[in-house]
PDB file of N, CA and C in Angstrom:
ATOM      1  N   MET A   1      13.083 -67.991 -76.227  1.00  0.00           N
ATOM      2  CA  MET A   1      13.246 -67.892 -74.785  1.00  0.00           C
ATOM      3  C   MET A   1      12.836 -69.203 -74.103  1.00  0.00           C
ATOM      4  N   ILE A   2      11.737 -69.779 -74.551  1.00  0.00           N
ATOM      5  CA  ILE A   2      11.265 -71.029 -73.956  1.00  0.00           C
ATOM      6  C   ILE A   2      12.258 -72.154 -74.257  1.00  0.00           C
ATOM      7  N   LEU A   3      12.809 -72.155 -75.459  1.00  0.00           N
ATOM      8  CA  LEU A   3      13.809 -73.155 -75.818  1.00  0.00           C
ATOM      9  C   LEU A   3      15.033 -73.045 -74.912  1.00  0.00           C
ATOM     10  N   PHE A   4      15.439 -71.838 -74.615  1.00  0.00           N
ATOM     11  CA  PHE A   4      16.572 -71.613 -73.719  1.00  0.00           C
ATOM     12  C   PHE A   4      16.283 -72.159 -72.328  1.00  0.00           C
ATOM     13  N   ILE A   5      15.107 -71.920 -71.806  1.00  0.00           N
ATOM     14  CA  ILE A   5      14.721 -72.396 -70.470  1.00  0.00           C
ATOM     15  C   ILE A   5      14.680 -73.926 -70.452  1.00  0.00           C
ATOM     16  N   ILE A   6      14.130 -74.515 -71.494  1.00  0.00           N
ATOM     17  CA  ILE A   6      14.076 -75.974 -71.578  1.00  0.00           C
ATOM     18  C   ILE A   6      15.491 -76.557 -71.616  1.00  0.00           C
ATOM     19  N   THR A   7      16.373 -75.923 -72.365  1.00  0.00           N
ATOM     20  CA  THR A   7      17.760 -76.375 -72.449  1.00  0.00           C
ATOM     21  C   THR A   7      18.433 -76.310 -71.082  1.00  0.00           C
ATOM     22  N   ILE A   8      18.221 -75.233 -70.362  1.00  0.00           N
ATOM     23  CA  ILE A   8      18.794 -75.074 -69.019  1.00  0.00           C
ATOM     24  C   ILE A   8      18.266 -76.165 -68.082  1.00  0.00           C
ATOM     25  N   ILE A   9      16.977 -76.436 -68.150  1.00  0.00           N
ATOM     26  CA  ILE A   9      16.368 -77.463 -67.294  1.00  0.00           C
ATOM     27  C   ILE A   9      16.968 -78.833 -67.617  1.00  0.00           C
ATOM     28  N   ILE A  10      17.164 -79.133 -68.894  1.00  0.00           N
ATOM     29  CA  ILE A  10      17.754 -80.409 -69.293  1.00  0.00           C
ATOM     30  C   ILE A  10      19.170 -80.533 -68.746  1.00  0.00           C
ATOM     31  N   PHE A  11      19.964 -79.463 -68.856  1.00  0.00           N
ATOM     32  CA  PHE A  11      21.326 -79.498 -68.318  1.00  0.00           C
ATOM     33  C   PHE A  11      21.333 -79.694 -66.809  1.00  0.00           C
ATOM     34  N   ILE A  12      20.417 -79.056 -66.119  1.00  0.00           N
ATOM     35  CA  ILE A  12      20.335 -79.211 -64.662  1.00  0.00           C
ATOM     36  C   ILE A  12      20.005 -80.667 -64.311  1.00  0.00           C
ATOM     37  N   ILE A  13      19.068 -81.251 -65.028  1.00  0.00           N
ATOM     38  CA  ILE A  13      18.692 -82.652 -64.778  1.00  0.00           C
ATOM     39  C   ILE A  13      19.881 -83.571 -65.051  1.00  0.00           C
ATOM     40  N   ILE A  14      20.569 -83.353 -66.164  1.00  0.00           N
ATOM     41  CA  ILE A  14      21.710 -84.208 -66.513  1.00  0.00           C
ATOM     42  C   ILE A  14      22.796 -84.107 -65.456  1.00  0.00           C
ATOM     43  N   PHE A  15      23.158 -82.899 -65.048  1.00  0.00           N
ATOM     44  CA  PHE A  15      24.228 -82.746 -64.071  1.00  0.00           C
ATOM     45  C   PHE A  15      23.816 -83.205 -62.679  1.00  0.00           C
ATOM     46  N   THR A  16      22.527 -83.198 -62.389  1.00  0.00           N
ATOM     47  CA  THR A  16      22.052 -83.727 -61.113  1.00  0.00           C
ATOM     48  C   THR A  16      22.143 -85.250 -61.099  1.00  0.00           C
ATOM     49  N   LEU A  17      21.860 -85.889 -62.227  1.00  0.00           N
ATOM     50  CA  LEU A  17      21.876 -87.346 -62.306  1.00  0.00           C
ATOM     51  C   LEU A  17      23.257 -87.930 -62.591  1.00  0.00           C
ATOM     52  N   MET A  18      24.210 -87.110 -63.011  1.00  0.00           N
ATOM     53  CA  MET A  18      25.530 -87.599 -63.408  1.00  0.00           C
ATOM     54  C   MET A  18      26.223 -88.448 -62.340  1.00  0.00           C
ATOM     55  N   PRO A  19      26.254 -88.053 -61.067  1.00  0.00           N
ATOM     56  CA  PRO A  19      26.923 -88.898 -60.080  1.00  0.00           C
ATOM     57  C   PRO A  19      26.286 -90.284 -59.955  1.00  0.00           C
ATOM     58  N   PHE A  20      24.970 -90.353 -60.081  1.00  0.00           N
ATOM     59  CA  PHE A  20      24.283 -91.632 -59.985  1.00  0.00           C
ATOM     60  C   PHE A  20      24.581 -92.502 -61.205  1.00  0.00           C
ATOM     61  N   ILE A  21      24.623 -91.890 -62.366  1.00  0.00           N
ATOM     62  CA  ILE A  21      24.915 -92.628 -63.590  1.00  0.00           C
ATOM     63  C   ILE A  21      26.328 -93.176 -63.544  1.00  0.00           C
ATOM     64  N   SER A  22      27.294 -92.346 -63.144  1.00  0.00           N
ATOM     65  CA  SER A  22      28.681 -92.810 -63.118  1.00  0.00           C
ATOM     66  C   SER A  22      28.894 -93.873 -62.049  1.00  0.00           C
ATOM     67  N   SER A  23      28.190 -93.783 -60.914  1.00  0.00           N
ATOM     68  CA  SER A  23      28.357 -94.818 -59.892  1.00  0.00           C
ATOM     69  C   SER A  23      27.771 -96.146 -60.361  1.00  0.00           C
ATOM     70  N   GLU A  24      26.674 -96.116 -61.098  1.00  0.00           N
ATOM     71  CA  GLU A  24      26.114 -97.343 -61.664  1.00  0.00           C
ATOM     72  C   GLU A  24      27.069 -97.937 -62.697  1.00  0.00           C
ATOM     73  N   TYR A  25      27.694 -97.073 -63.485  1.00  0.00           N
ATOM     74  CA  TYR A  25      28.655 -97.543 -64.478  1.00  0.00           C
ATOM     75  C   TYR A  25      29.837 -98.213 -63.794  1.00  0.00           C
ATOM     76  N   LYS A  26      30.316 -97.624 -62.706  1.00  0.00           N
ATOM     77  CA  LYS A  26      31.433 -98.220 -61.972  1.00  0.00           C
ATOM     78  C   LYS A  26      31.044 -99.573 -61.391  1.00  0.00           C
ATOM     79  N   LYS A  27      29.799 -99.696 -60.925  1.00  0.00           N
ATOM     80  CA  LYS A  27      29.347-100.975 -60.382  1.00  0.00           C
ATOM     81  C   LYS A  27      29.370-102.053 -61.454  1.00  0.00           C
ATOM     82  N   THR A  28      28.922-101.718 -62.658  1.00  0.00           N
ATOM     83  CA  THR A  28      28.921-102.716 -63.716  1.00  0.00           C
ATOM     84  C   THR A  28      30.341-103.044 -64.159  1.00  0.00           C
ATOM     85  N   MET A  29      31.242-102.072 -64.094  1.00  0.00           N
ATOM     86  CA  MET A  29      32.630-102.325 -64.464  1.00  0.00           C
ATOM     87  C   MET A  29      33.314-103.220 -63.444  1.00  0.00           C
ATOM     88  N   SER A  30      32.978-103.051 -62.166  1.00  0.00           N
ATOM     89  CA  SER A  30      33.691-103.784 -61.130  1.00  0.00           C
ATOM     90  C   SER A  30      33.096-105.166 -60.859  1.00  0.00           C
ATOM     91  N   LYS A  31      31.968-105.488 -61.483  1.00  0.00           N
ATOM     92  CA  LYS A  31      31.418-106.832 -61.311  1.00  0.00           C
ATOM     93  C   LYS A  31      32.409-107.850 -61.842  1.00  0.00           C
ATOM     94  N   ASN A  32      32.277-109.034 -61.403  1.00  0.00           N
ATOM     95  CA  ASN A  32      33.263-110.055 -61.715  1.00  0.00           C
ATOM     96  C   ASN A  32      33.037-110.699 -63.075  1.00  0.00           C
ATOM     97  N   THR A  33      32.528-109.957 -64.027  1.00  0.00           N
ATOM     98  CA  THR A  33      32.355-110.487 -65.374  1.00  0.00           C
ATOM     99  C   THR A  33      33.658-110.308 -66.130  1.00  0.00           C
ATOM    100  N   GLN A  34      34.147-111.371 -66.684  1.00  0.00           N
ATOM    101  CA  GLN A  34      35.437-111.332 -67.369  1.00  0.00           C
ATOM    102  C   GLN A  34      35.219-111.383 -68.872  1.00  0.00           C
ATOM    103  N   THR A  35      35.738-110.393 -69.560  1.00  0.00           N
ATOM    104  CA  THR A  35      35.731-110.386 -71.007  1.00  0.00           C
ATOM    105  C   THR A  35      37.160-110.613 -71.468  1.00  0.00           C
ATOM    106  N   TYR A  36      37.377-111.632 -72.276  1.00  0.00           N
ATOM    107  CA  TYR A  36      38.705-111.881 -72.802  1.00  0.00           C
ATOM    108  C   TYR A  36      38.820-111.262 -74.185  1.00  0.00           C
ATOM    109  N   TYR A  37      39.657-110.247 -74.268  1.00  0.00           N
ATOM    110  CA  TYR A  37      39.887-109.602 -75.549  1.00  0.00           C
ATOM    111  C   TYR A  37      40.962-110.349 -76.328  1.00  0.00           C
ATOM    112  N   PHE A  38      41.972-110.839 -75.578  1.00  0.00           N
ATOM    113  CA  PHE A  38      43.099-111.501 -76.215  1.00  0.00           C
ATOM    114  C   PHE A  38      43.481-112.728 -75.408  1.00  0.00           C
ATOM    115  N   ASP A  39      43.645-113.851 -76.078  1.00  0.00           N
ATOM    116  CA  ASP A  39      44.002-115.102 -75.405  1.00  0.00           C
ATOM    117  C   ASP A  39      45.415-115.083 -74.838  1.00  0.00           C
ATOM    118  N   VAL A  40      46.301-114.291 -75.440  1.00  0.00           N
ATOM    119  CA  VAL A  40      47.691-114.264 -74.969  1.00  0.00           C
ATOM    120  C   VAL A  40      47.852-113.494 -73.659  1.00  0.00           C
ATOM    121  N   LEU A  41      46.816-112.742 -73.258  1.00  0.00           N
ATOM    122  CA  LEU A  41      46.893-111.944 -72.041  1.00  0.00           C
ATOM    123  C   LEU A  41      46.316-112.710 -70.851  1.00  0.00           C
ATOM    124  N   SER A  42      46.831-112.391 -69.680  1.00  0.00           N
ATOM    125  CA  SER A  42      46.299-112.988 -68.455  1.00  0.00           C
ATOM    126  C   SER A  42      44.932-112.397 -68.129  1.00  0.00           C
ATOM    127  N   LYS A  43      44.269-112.976 -67.155  1.00  0.00           N
ATOM    128  CA  LYS A  43      42.960-112.481 -66.726  1.00  0.00           C
ATOM    129  C   LYS A  43      43.071-111.022 -66.273  1.00  0.00           C
ATOM    130  N   ARG A  44      44.090-110.720 -65.478  1.00  0.00           N
ATOM    131  CA  ARG A  44      44.274-109.359 -64.975  1.00  0.00           C
ATOM    132  C   ARG A  44      44.598-108.393 -66.118  1.00  0.00           C
ATOM    133  N   GLU A  45      45.415-108.834 -67.067  1.00  0.00           N
ATOM    134  CA  GLU A  45      45.757-107.970 -68.197  1.00  0.00           C
ATOM    135  C   GLU A  45      44.530-107.688 -69.054  1.00  0.00           C
ATOM    136  N   ASN A  46      43.678-108.673 -69.248  1.00  0.00           N
ATOM    137  CA  ASN A  46      42.434-108.439 -69.977  1.00  0.00           C
ATOM    138  C   ASN A  46      41.527-107.475 -69.216  1.00  0.00           C
ATOM    139  N   GLU A  47      41.554-107.560 -67.900  1.00  0.00           N
ATOM    140  CA  GLU A  47      40.780-106.626 -67.089  1.00  0.00           C
ATOM    141  C   GLU A  47      41.315-105.199 -67.260  1.00  0.00           C
ATOM    142  N   ILE A  48      42.623-105.057 -67.317  1.00  0.00           N
ATOM    143  CA  ILE A  48      43.245-103.751 -67.545  1.00  0.00           C
ATOM    144  C   ILE A  48      42.839-103.221 -68.919  1.00  0.00           C
ATOM    145  N   VAL A  49      42.825-104.085 -69.920  1.00  0.00           N
ATOM    146  CA  VAL A  49      42.402-103.689 -71.267  1.00  0.00           C
ATOM    147  C   VAL A  49      40.973-103.166 -71.230  1.00  0.00           C
ATOM    148  N   LYS A  50      40.105-103.840 -70.483  1.00  0.00           N
ATOM    149  CA  LYS A  50      38.707-103.414 -70.368  1.00  0.00           C
ATOM    150  C   LYS A  50      38.623-101.982 -69.824  1.00  0.00           C
ATOM    151  N   TYR A  51      39.414-101.688 -68.804  1.00  0.00           N
ATOM    152  CA  TYR A  51      39.417-100.347 -68.235  1.00  0.00           C
ATOM    153  C   TYR A  51      40.009 -99.333 -69.208  1.00  0.00           C
ATOM    154  N   LEU A  52      41.064 -99.706 -69.902  1.00  0.00           N
ATOM    155  CA  LEU A  52      41.663 -98.806 -70.888  1.00  0.00           C
ATOM    156  C   LEU A  52      40.658 -98.449 -71.984  1.00  0.00           C
ATOM    157  N   LEU A  53      39.942 -99.449 -72.461  1.00  0.00           N
ATOM    158  CA  LEU A  53      38.978 -99.225 -73.536  1.00  0.00           C
ATOM    159  C   LEU A  53      37.770 -98.421 -73.068  1.00  0.00           C
ATOM    160  N   SER A  54      37.512 -98.435 -71.768  1.00  0.00           N
ATOM    161  CA  SER A  54      36.378 -97.697 -71.220  1.00  0.00           C
ATOM    162  C   SER A  54      36.726 -96.250 -70.907  1.00  0.00           C
ATOM    163  N   GLY A  55      37.976 -95.864 -71.135  1.00  0.00           N
ATOM    164  CA  GLY A  55      38.359 -94.475 -70.941  1.00  0.00           C
ATOM    165  C   GLY A  55      38.861 -94.129 -69.558  1.00  0.00           C
ATOM    166  N   TYR A  56      39.030 -95.108 -68.709  1.00  0.00           N
ATOM    167  CA  TYR A  56      39.570 -94.848 -67.370  1.00  0.00           C
ATOM    168  C   TYR A  56      41.034 -94.438 -67.486  1.00  0.00           C
ATOM    169  N   THR A  57      41.487 -93.594 -66.582  1.00  0.00           N
ATOM    170  CA  THR A  57      42.903 -93.276 -66.502  1.00  0.00           C
ATOM    171  C   THR A  57      43.587 -94.346 -65.668  1.00  0.00           C
ATOM    172  N   SER A  58      44.897 -94.430 -65.778  1.00  0.00           N
ATOM    173  CA  SER A  58      45.657 -95.431 -65.022  1.00  0.00           C
ATOM    174  C   SER A  58      45.429 -95.276 -63.527  1.00  0.00           C
ATOM    175  N   GLY A  59      45.430 -94.044 -63.061  1.00  0.00           N
ATOM    176  CA  GLY A  59      45.221 -93.802 -61.630  1.00  0.00           C
ATOM    177  C   GLY A  59      43.839 -94.197 -61.154  1.00  0.00           C
ATOM    178  N   SER A  60      42.827 -93.941 -61.980  1.00  0.00           N
ATOM    179  CA  SER A  60      41.466 -94.251 -61.543  1.00  0.00           C
ATOM    180  C   SER A  60      41.213 -95.749 -61.487  1.00  0.00           C
ATOM    181  N   PHE A  61      41.711 -96.512 -62.467  1.00  0.00           N
ATOM    182  CA  PHE A  61      41.445 -97.942 -62.352  1.00  0.00           C
ATOM    183  C   PHE A  61      42.427 -98.643 -61.438  1.00  0.00           C
ATOM    184  N   ALA A  62      43.533 -97.988 -61.104  1.00  0.00           N
ATOM    185  CA  ALA A  62      44.403 -98.534 -60.046  1.00  0.00           C
ATOM    186  C   ALA A  62      43.633 -98.536 -58.730  1.00  0.00           C
ATOM    187  N   LYS A  63      42.911 -97.450 -58.478  1.00  0.00           N
ATOM    188  CA  LYS A  63      42.082 -97.375 -57.263  1.00  0.00           C
ATOM    189  C   LYS A  63      40.955 -98.388 -57.309  1.00  0.00           C
ATOM    190  N   GLU A  64      40.321 -98.532 -58.477  1.00  0.00           N
ATOM    191  CA  GLU A  64      39.221 -99.488 -58.639  1.00  0.00           C
ATOM    192  C   GLU A  64      39.670-100.918 -58.368  1.00  0.00           C
ATOM    193  N   LEU A  65      40.887-101.251 -58.810  1.00  0.00           N
ATOM    194  CA  LEU A  65      41.389-102.617 -58.699  1.00  0.00           C
ATOM    195  C   LEU A  65      42.232-102.836 -57.441  1.00  0.00           C
ATOM    196  N   TYR A  66      42.401-101.771 -56.655  1.00  0.00           N
ATOM    197  CA  TYR A  66      43.193-101.838 -55.418  1.00  0.00           C
ATOM    198  C   TYR A  66      44.628-102.287 -55.681  1.00  0.00           C
ATOM    199  N   ILE A  67      45.225-101.721 -56.722  1.00  0.00           N
ATOM    200  CA  ILE A  67      46.620-101.979 -57.020  1.00  0.00           C
ATOM    201  C   ILE A  67      47.343-100.650 -57.178  1.00  0.00           C
ATOM    202  N   SER A  68      48.658-100.675 -57.080  1.00  0.00           N
ATOM    203  CA  SER A  68      49.426 -99.431 -57.168  1.00  0.00           C
ATOM    204  C   SER A  68      49.570 -98.989 -58.627  1.00  0.00           C
ATOM    205  N   LEU A  69      49.858 -97.718 -58.796  1.00  0.00           N
ATOM    206  CA  LEU A  69      50.051 -97.163 -60.130  1.00  0.00           C
ATOM    207  C   LEU A  69      51.237 -97.812 -60.852  1.00  0.00           C
ATOM    208  N   PRO A  70      52.371 -98.056 -60.173  1.00  0.00           N
ATOM    209  CA  PRO A  70      53.457 -98.768 -60.866  1.00  0.00           C
ATOM    210  C   PRO A  70      53.046-100.169 -61.346  1.00  0.00           C
ATOM    211  N   THR A  71      52.185-100.842 -60.589  1.00  0.00           N
ATOM    212  CA  THR A  71      51.699-102.159 -61.015  1.00  0.00           C
ATOM    213  C   THR A  71      50.853-102.025 -62.274  1.00  0.00           C
ATOM    214  N   VAL A  72      50.009-101.007 -62.325  1.00  0.00           N
ATOM    215  CA  VAL A  72      49.201-100.759 -63.522  1.00  0.00           C
ATOM    216  C   VAL A  72      50.105-100.510 -64.718  1.00  0.00           C
ATOM    217  N   LYS A  73      51.117 -99.687 -64.521  1.00  0.00           N
ATOM    218  CA  LYS A  73      52.032 -99.378 -65.624  1.00  0.00           C
ATOM    219  C   LYS A  73      52.778-100.629 -66.094  1.00  0.00           C
ATOM    220  N   THR A  74      53.124-101.501 -65.167  1.00  0.00           N
ATOM    221  CA  THR A  74      53.775-102.762 -65.538  1.00  0.00           C
ATOM    222  C   THR A  74      52.820-103.626 -66.360  1.00  0.00           C
ATOM    223  N   HIS A  75      51.558-103.717 -65.929  1.00  0.00           N
ATOM    224  CA  HIS A  75      50.564-104.491 -66.685  1.00  0.00           C
ATOM    225  C   HIS A  75      50.404-103.923 -68.101  1.00  0.00           C
ATOM    226  N   ILE A  76      50.300-102.600 -68.202  1.00  0.00           N
ATOM    227  CA  ILE A  76      50.124-101.968 -69.514  1.00  0.00           C
ATOM    228  C   ILE A  76      51.343-102.244 -70.390  1.00  0.00           C
ATOM    229  N   SER A  77      52.519-102.147 -69.811  1.00  0.00           N
ATOM    230  CA  SER A  77      53.749-102.441 -70.557  1.00  0.00           C
ATOM    231  C   SER A  77      53.751-103.882 -71.054  1.00  0.00           C
ATOM    232  N   ASN A  78      53.341-104.807 -70.194  1.00  0.00           N
ATOM    233  CA  ASN A  78      53.277-106.225 -70.584  1.00  0.00           C
ATOM    234  C   ASN A  78      52.241-106.462 -71.681  1.00  0.00           C
ATOM    235  N   ILE A  79      51.109-105.770 -71.585  1.00  0.00           N
ATOM    236  CA  ILE A  79      50.053-105.881 -72.607  1.00  0.00           C
ATOM    237  C   ILE A  79      50.599-105.421 -73.958  1.00  0.00           C
ATOM    238  N   TYR A  80      51.218-104.254 -73.964  1.00  0.00           N
ATOM    239  CA  TYR A  80      51.773-103.719 -75.214  1.00  0.00           C
ATOM    240  C   TYR A  80      52.835-104.655 -75.789  1.00  0.00           C
ATOM    241  N   ARG A  81      53.689-105.201 -74.920  1.00  0.00           N
ATOM    242  CA  ARG A  81      54.746-106.109 -75.381  1.00  0.00           C
ATOM    243  C   ARG A  81      54.144-107.375 -75.984  1.00  0.00           C
ATOM    244  N   LYS A  82      53.181-107.974 -75.287  1.00  0.00           N
ATOM    245  CA  LYS A  82      52.570-109.219 -75.763  1.00  0.00           C
ATOM    246  C   LYS A  82      51.797-109.027 -77.063  1.00  0.00           C
ATOM    247  N   LEU A  83      51.197-107.847 -77.228  1.00  0.00           N
ATOM    248  CA  LEU A  83      50.405-107.582 -78.435  1.00  0.00           C
ATOM    249  C   LEU A  83      51.233-106.910 -79.526  1.00  0.00           C
ATOM    250  N   ASN A  84      52.520-106.647 -79.214  1.00  0.00           N
ATOM    251  CA  ASN A  84      53.433-106.006 -80.155  1.00  0.00           C
ATOM    252  C   ASN A  84      52.909-104.647 -80.629  1.00  0.00           C
ATOM    253  N   ILE A  85      52.473-103.842 -79.671  1.00  0.00           N
ATOM    254  CA  ILE A  85      51.996-102.487 -79.951  1.00  0.00           C
ATOM    255  C   ILE A  85      52.733-101.513 -79.032  1.00  0.00           C
ATOM    256  N   ASN A  86      52.550-100.209 -79.285  1.00  0.00           N
ATOM    257  CA  ASN A  86      53.263 -99.195 -78.509  1.00  0.00           C
ATOM    258  C   ASN A  86      52.374 -98.135 -77.877  1.00  0.00           C
ATOM    259  N   SER A  87      51.066 -98.168 -78.157  1.00  0.00           N
ATOM    260  CA  SER A  87      50.206 -97.106 -77.633  1.00  0.00           C
ATOM    261  C   SER A  87      48.762 -97.587 -77.484  1.00  0.00           C
ATOM    262  N   LYS A  88      48.000 -96.778 -76.765  1.00  0.00           N
ATOM    263  CA  LYS A  88      46.578 -97.066 -76.590  1.00  0.00           C
ATOM    264  C   LYS A  88      45.846 -96.970 -77.932  1.00  0.00           C
ATOM    265  N   GLN A  89      46.273 -96.040 -78.787  1.00  0.00           N
ATOM    266  CA  GLN A  89      45.653 -95.908 -80.105  1.00  0.00           C
ATOM    267  C   GLN A  89      45.818 -97.191 -80.911  1.00  0.00           C
ATOM    268  N   GLU A  90      46.994 -97.802 -80.824  1.00  0.00           N
ATOM    269  CA  GLU A  90      47.209 -99.065 -81.532  1.00  0.00           C
ATOM    270  C   GLU A  90      46.340-100.175 -80.963  1.00  0.00           C
ATOM    271  N   LEU A  91      46.086-100.117 -79.642  1.00  0.00           N
ATOM    272  CA  LEU A  91      45.190-101.096 -79.010  1.00  0.00           C
ATOM    273  C   LEU A  91      43.784-100.964 -79.574  1.00  0.00           C
ATOM    274  N   PHE A  92      43.307 -99.728 -79.695  1.00  0.00           N
ATOM    275  CA  PHE A  92      41.982 -99.500 -80.278  1.00  0.00           C
ATOM    276  C   PHE A  92      41.934 -99.993 -81.722  1.00  0.00           C
ATOM    277  N   LYS A  93      42.969 -99.701 -82.485  1.00  0.00           N
ATOM    278  CA  LYS A  93      43.013-100.154 -83.881  1.00  0.00           C
ATOM    279  C   LYS A  93      43.015-101.678 -83.976  1.00  0.00           C
ATOM    280  N   LEU A  94      43.738-102.302 -83.055  1.00  0.00           N
ATOM    281  CA  LEU A  94      43.807-103.760 -83.034  1.00  0.00           C
ATOM    282  C   LEU A  94      42.439-104.364 -82.799  1.00  0.00           C
ATOM    283  N   LEU A  95      41.647-103.750 -81.959  1.00  0.00           N
ATOM    284  CA  LEU A  95      40.309-104.269 -81.652  1.00  0.00           C
ATOM    285  C   LEU A  95      39.299-103.919 -82.741  1.00  0.00           C
ATOM    286  N   ASP A  96      39.569-102.871 -83.511  1.00  0.00           N
ATOM    287  CA  ASP A  96      38.668-102.505 -84.600  1.00  0.00           C
ATOM    288  C   ASP A  96      38.756-103.476 -85.768  1.00  0.00           C
ATOM    289  N   SER A  97      39.927-104.054 -85.938  1.00  0.00           N
ATOM    290  CA  SER A  97      40.105-104.923 -87.116  1.00  0.00           C
ATOM    291  C   SER A  97      39.565-106.311 -86.894  1.00  0.00           C
TER     292      SER A  97
END
């Protein structure tokens, strides 16, 4: 019974802190630190890769970057073409090797 109560308290604490944790994560993502994953990609395309690898959806990082969803899709298409891949899974595999 005590273990159950402790578990409930932990979940309450986690869900209470979740908005603060995610907002801090967004702040670190939106800072102007540039990570170049691939030299063949532009600065913006590398930024898109960073968001893709972080698990953001196209719509969410379109809002973060203040660009339209069709623009995001064009960037993703260009990234895949330049890297000769067809999916996000292939992008992850490319970075694992």
